[in-house]
Protein backbone atom coordinates (compact mmCIF):
# COMPACT_ATOMS: atom_id res chain seq x y z
CA MET A 1 0.27 -0.17 0.11
CA ARG A 2 0.95 3.52 -0.98
CA VAL A 3 0.91 5.90 1.51
CA SER A 4 2.51 10.22 2.43
CA THR A 5 3.91 10.39 5.53
CA ARG A 6 5.00 12.86 7.39
CA VAL A 7 8.72 12.40 6.85
CA TYR A 8 9.56 9.59 4.17
CA GLY A 9 7.17 11.29 2.11
CA GLU A 10 6.29 8.54 -0.01
CA ILE A 11 6.50 5.62 0.83
CA ASP A 12 5.05 1.91 0.26
CA ILE A 13 3.94 -0.33 3.71
CA ASP A 14 2.77 -3.35 4.15
CA GLU A 15 -0.55 -4.88 5.64
CA ARG A 16 1.05 -5.66 8.79
CA GLN A 17 2.29 -1.98 9.43
CA ARG A 18 -1.37 -1.04 9.41
CA VAL A 19 -3.17 -0.45 13.05
CA SER A 20 -6.92 0.15 14.01
CA PHE A 21 -7.35 2.88 16.75
CA PRO A 22 -11.02 2.36 16.78
CA SER A 23 -11.43 5.59 19.63
CA GLY A 24 -8.71 7.13 17.99
CA ILE A 25 -5.82 8.69 20.41
CA LEU A 26 -6.97 11.27 23.02
CA GLY A 27 -7.45 14.78 20.84
CA PHE A 28 -7.71 13.28 17.45
CA GLU A 29 -10.20 10.57 18.45
CA LYS A 30 -11.41 10.79 14.71
CA PHE A 31 -8.57 9.99 12.76
CA THR A 32 -8.07 5.90 13.53
CA GLU A 33 -6.05 4.16 10.63
CA TYR A 34 -2.50 4.39 11.26
CA ALA A 35 0.92 2.73 10.15
CA LEU A 36 3.33 2.21 12.46
CA LEU A 37 7.13 2.86 11.10
CA ASP A 38 10.63 2.01 12.05
CA ALA A 39 12.19 5.97 13.10
CA ARG A 40 15.68 6.58 11.54
CA GLN A 41 17.44 7.37 14.53
CA LYS A 42 16.44 4.42 17.12
CA PRO A 43 14.95 3.44 19.44
CA PHE A 44 11.74 5.50 18.34
CA PHE A 45 9.30 4.68 15.57
CA TYR A 46 6.88 6.53 13.99
CA LEU A 47 2.88 6.36 14.41
CA GLN A 48 1.99 7.83 11.20
CA SER A 49 -1.76 8.45 10.26
CA LEU A 50 -3.66 7.05 7.25
CA GLU A 51 -6.16 10.22 6.77
CA VAL A 52 -3.86 12.87 7.16
CA PRO A 53 -0.91 12.75 5.82
CA ASP A 54 1.12 15.55 8.58
CA LEU A 55 -0.25 13.42 11.85
CA ALA A 56 2.03 11.30 12.98
CA PHE A 57 3.59 10.42 16.61
CA ILE A 58 6.84 9.61 17.68
CA LEU A 59 6.50 6.63 19.91
CA ILE A 60 8.88 4.78 21.73
CA ASP A 61 9.04 1.42 24.28
CA PRO A 62 8.42 3.08 27.27
CA PHE A 63 10.24 -0.38 29.58
CA LEU A 64 13.50 0.96 27.89
CA PHE A 65 14.05 3.57 30.45
CA ARG A 66 12.13 2.30 33.34
CA SER A 67 11.80 -0.95 33.57
CA ASP A 68 9.62 -0.93 36.66
CA TYR A 69 6.44 1.41 34.47
CA SER A 70 3.63 -1.11 34.78
CA LEU A 71 0.52 -0.82 33.39
CA ASP A 72 -2.64 -2.20 35.58
CA MET A 73 -5.65 -3.11 32.56
CA SER A 74 -8.11 -5.00 32.70
CA ASP A 75 -8.98 -7.93 30.62
CA GLU A 76 -12.46 -5.85 29.34
CA ALA A 77 -10.32 -2.91 28.14
CA LEU A 78 -7.71 -5.46 26.90
CA ALA A 79 -10.19 -6.73 25.01
CA GLU A 80 -11.90 -4.24 23.26
CA ILE A 81 -8.63 -4.62 20.88
CA GLY A 82 -8.50 -8.05 21.01
CA VAL A 83 -5.80 -8.42 23.61
CA ALA A 84 -6.82 -12.21 25.49
CA ASP A 85 -3.04 -13.28 26.09
CA PRO A 86 -0.43 -10.24 27.27
CA GLU A 87 2.84 -11.72 25.74
CA ASP A 88 0.40 -10.37 22.54
CA ALA A 89 0.14 -6.79 24.04
CA VAL A 90 3.28 -3.78 22.98
CA VAL A 91 3.28 -1.68 24.82
CA PHE A 92 4.58 2.62 23.06
CA SER A 93 4.50 5.88 24.70
CA ILE A 94 4.21 9.25 22.56
CA VAL A 95 6.96 11.41 22.65
CA THR A 96 7.93 14.68 22.48
CA ALA A 97 10.53 15.39 21.12
CA PRO A 98 10.33 20.14 21.88
CA ALA A 99 12.42 22.08 18.87
CA ASP A 100 13.79 24.42 21.23
CA GLY A 101 15.96 22.11 22.54
CA SER A 102 14.28 21.50 25.79
CA PRO A 103 14.36 17.52 27.38
CA ILE A 104 12.38 15.19 24.69
CA THR A 105 9.70 13.42 27.37
CA ALA A 106 7.59 10.47 27.56
CA ASN A 107 4.30 9.93 28.23
CA LEU A 108 4.03 7.30 30.52
CA MET A 109 -0.33 7.84 31.72
CA GLY A 110 -1.31 8.07 28.34
CA PRO A 111 0.05 4.50 26.43
CA LEU A 112 -0.47 3.02 23.97
CA ILE A 113 -1.39 -0.88 23.71
CA ILE A 114 -1.88 -2.33 20.36
CA SER A 115 -2.47 -6.33 19.72
CA LYS A 116 0.31 -7.96 17.31
CA SER A 117 -2.48 -10.42 16.61
CA LYS A 118 -5.38 -8.47 15.80
CA ARG A 119 -3.16 -4.55 15.13
CA ARG A 120 -5.58 -2.98 16.85
CA GLY A 121 -4.81 0.26 19.11
CA MET A 122 -5.74 1.91 21.86
CA GLN A 123 -4.95 4.73 24.45
CA ALA A 124 -4.94 3.70 27.79
CA VAL A 125 -4.91 7.15 30.49
CA LEU A 126 -3.75 5.97 34.07
CA ALA A 127 -4.04 6.70 37.86
CA ASP A 128 -1.21 5.31 38.83
CA PRO A 129 0.55 9.19 40.85
CA ARG A 130 3.98 7.37 39.56
CA TRP A 131 3.49 8.91 35.78
CA ARG A 132 3.30 11.74 34.21
CA VAL A 133 2.09 13.46 30.71
CA LYS A 134 6.15 14.53 30.35
CA HIS A 135 8.77 11.73 31.80
CA ASP A 136 12.40 13.22 30.92
CA ILE A 137 13.84 10.26 28.52
CA MET A 138 17.33 10.59 29.20
CA ALA A 139 17.65 11.87 32.92
CA GLU A 140 15.51 8.85 33.22
CA LEU A 141 17.97 6.48 31.91
CA ALA A 142 20.59 8.09 33.58
CA VAL A 143 19.21 7.15 36.85
CA SER A 144 18.64 3.66 35.25
CA ARG A 145 21.55 3.00 34.44
CA LYS A 146 23.45 3.82 37.90
């Protein structure tokens, strides 16, 4: 499938890269079809809207810099996207990379959960007080390596 992307221009994607977010993403609820793309800068990914070429989110695996990260999700919520087994779920955090050079942060309060087998996703909103909308990725990585 040929798609227009914000970062790479026109590219071909494999059907396995498509992810549907039936309820959308907070603030972008009306856009439900995306492609998960590898970023040139590891360990990041892009979640590219298939409906609006200029809409793309930078993602990161939160467990890379917070080994203690946990999600308290009900089985019913996960079943909505087809996750019956935790091994079928992949978790990402949305990254903010400010143009002014401020720290790159990740949203651990609103993770994206994707069913690998069904290619359906959702954004959770966690109530755990340990997780905030802005976690400084580099600072937390430095702490975790001590």
